[in-house]
Amino acid sequence: MLKLVEEDKLLKPFAGIIEKRHQQVLAMEREFTYRTTRLSDSCNSYLYYGLHRTNEGWVFREWAPNATAIYLLGEFNDWRKHPDYALTKVGDGIRERWCTRCFIVYSWSGTGGAGSGCLLMCDE
């Protein structure tokens, strides 16, 4: 029994419901944090994914666990998938591309799962 219920006699009749809801909250927290250790880390994923400037240049990251490949598309490659513009798989569904200069990319495309979007990107 939860300490909260043990210490409050008015909650004891609802102990089963409170315990069930507590277990649901814990399950949801585990679902949100399965790749991280804290719930706040999971909520701050925007600090890791997307386009970011670093001391080494620019990095674009996507979490696409069902994708078999992700390519940057634009005028620079005639809107065609090309290995030179593929994001590299770096871990559990995470793909990234590092570069030193930034320009506008009009679209990206994924395979093996649905995905497309518009963003800023870079190239060397």
Protein backbone atom coordinates (compact mmCIF):
# COMPACT_ATOMS: atom_id res chain seq x y z
CA MET A 1 0.00 0.00 0.00
CA LEU A 2 1.21 3.51 -0.75
CA LYS A 3 2.43 5.53 2.20
CA LEU A 4 -0.01 8.28 1.25
CA VAL A 5 -2.96 5.89 1.67
CA GLU A 6 -1.56 4.35 4.86
CA GLU A 7 -1.32 7.77 6.51
CA ASP A 8 -4.76 9.06 5.48
CA LYS A 9 -7.73 7.01 6.72
CA LEU A 10 -10.09 8.84 4.34
CA LEU A 11 -8.13 7.46 1.35
CA LYS A 12 -8.17 3.82 2.52
CA PRO A 13 -11.53 3.01 0.86
CA PHE A 14 -10.00 4.14 -2.43
CA ALA A 15 -6.67 2.33 -1.99
CA GLY A 16 -7.22 0.02 -4.97
CA ILE A 17 -8.05 2.85 -7.35
CA ILE A 18 -5.20 5.01 -6.09
CA GLU A 19 -2.72 2.13 -6.44
CA LYS A 20 -3.94 1.39 -9.98
CA ARG A 21 -3.55 5.03 -11.01
CA HIS A 22 -0.13 5.18 -9.37
CA GLN A 23 0.95 2.14 -11.40
CA GLN A 24 -0.38 3.78 -14.59
CA VAL A 25 1.67 6.91 -13.86
CA LEU A 26 4.79 4.82 -13.28
CA ALA A 27 4.18 2.91 -16.54
CA MET A 28 3.75 6.17 -18.46
CA GLU A 29 6.93 7.57 -16.92
CA ARG A 30 8.81 4.41 -18.00
CA GLU A 31 7.41 4.81 -21.53
CA PHE A 32 8.58 8.43 -21.72
CA THR A 33 11.98 7.72 -20.21
CA TYR A 34 12.96 4.40 -21.79
CA ARG A 35 15.90 6.10 -23.55
CA THR A 36 16.78 8.40 -20.67
CA THR A 37 17.04 8.23 -16.91
CA ARG A 38 14.89 11.23 -15.97
CA LEU A 39 11.52 12.46 -17.21
CA SER A 40 12.93 15.98 -17.65
CA ASP A 41 15.59 14.58 -20.03
CA SER A 42 12.86 13.08 -22.19
CA CYS A 43 10.98 16.39 -22.30
CA ASN A 44 14.13 18.24 -23.37
CA SER A 45 14.76 16.16 -26.50
CA TYR A 46 14.43 19.31 -28.64
CA LEU A 47 17.85 20.26 -27.27
CA TYR A 48 19.34 17.18 -28.97
CA TYR A 49 17.18 16.58 -32.06
CA GLY A 50 16.78 18.96 -34.98
CA LEU A 51 19.35 21.42 -36.30
CA HIS A 52 21.95 22.79 -33.87
CA ARG A 53 25.06 24.90 -34.17
CA THR A 54 28.04 23.58 -32.22
CA ASN A 55 31.70 24.56 -31.84
CA GLU A 56 32.52 21.97 -34.54
CA GLY A 57 29.89 23.19 -37.05
CA TRP A 58 26.27 22.17 -37.54
CA VAL A 59 24.49 18.92 -36.74
CA PHE A 60 21.04 17.73 -37.76
CA ARG A 61 19.55 14.81 -35.80
CA GLU A 62 16.32 12.87 -36.19
CA TRP A 63 14.86 10.04 -34.17
CA ALA A 64 13.34 7.69 -36.72
CA PRO A 65 13.35 4.15 -35.29
CA ASN A 66 11.49 2.63 -38.25
CA ALA A 67 13.46 4.34 -41.02
CA THR A 68 15.95 2.34 -43.04
CA ALA A 69 17.53 5.55 -44.37
CA ILE A 70 17.08 9.32 -44.28
CA TYR A 71 18.39 11.62 -47.01
CA LEU A 72 18.59 15.37 -47.36
CA LEU A 73 16.98 16.56 -50.58
CA GLY A 74 17.24 19.89 -52.35
CA GLU A 75 18.49 21.79 -55.38
CA PHE A 76 22.05 20.88 -54.36
CA ASN A 77 21.40 17.21 -55.30
CA ASP A 78 18.60 17.69 -57.87
CA TRP A 79 16.05 16.48 -55.31
CA ARG A 80 17.41 12.95 -55.50
CA LYS A 81 18.46 10.57 -52.77
CA HIS A 82 22.23 10.32 -52.74
CA PRO A 83 24.55 8.54 -50.26
CA ASP A 84 26.56 11.77 -49.81
CA TYR A 85 23.48 13.32 -48.20
CA ALA A 86 22.35 10.38 -46.06
CA LEU A 87 22.11 10.75 -42.31
CA THR A 88 24.33 8.32 -40.41
CA LYS A 89 22.78 5.89 -37.94
CA VAL A 90 24.36 6.59 -34.55
CA GLY A 91 22.21 4.57 -32.18
CA ASP A 92 18.75 3.38 -31.17
CA GLY A 93 16.79 4.98 -34.04
CA ILE A 94 18.96 8.12 -34.03
CA ARG A 95 20.42 9.45 -37.28
CA GLU A 96 22.56 12.52 -37.77
CA ARG A 97 24.55 14.54 -40.31
CA TRP A 98 27.41 16.87 -39.38
CA CYS A 99 28.63 19.71 -41.58
CA THR A 100 30.56 22.95 -41.43
CA ARG A 101 28.48 25.39 -43.49
CA CYS A 102 24.75 26.03 -43.44
CA PHE A 103 22.33 26.63 -46.32
CA ILE A 104 18.62 26.13 -46.92
CA VAL A 105 17.35 22.63 -47.55
CA TYR A 106 13.80 22.41 -48.72
CA SER A 107 13.00 18.84 -47.82
CA TRP A 108 14.20 15.60 -46.28
CA SER A 109 12.90 12.16 -47.02
CA GLY A 110 12.94 8.92 -45.07
CA THR A 111 12.54 5.34 -46.25
CA GLY A 112 11.23 2.40 -44.29
CA GLY A 113 8.78 4.65 -42.50
CA ALA A 114 6.76 7.74 -43.24
CA GLY A 115 8.61 11.01 -43.03
CA SER A 116 9.28 14.30 -44.72
CA GLY A 117 9.78 17.88 -43.65
CA CYS A 118 11.29 21.29 -44.32
CA LEU A 119 14.29 22.71 -42.49
CA LEU A 120 17.59 24.53 -42.61
CA MET A 121 20.62 22.35 -43.22
CA CYS A 122 24.28 22.49 -44.02
CA ASP A 123 26.86 21.04 -46.33
CA GLU A 124 30.62 20.94 -46.57
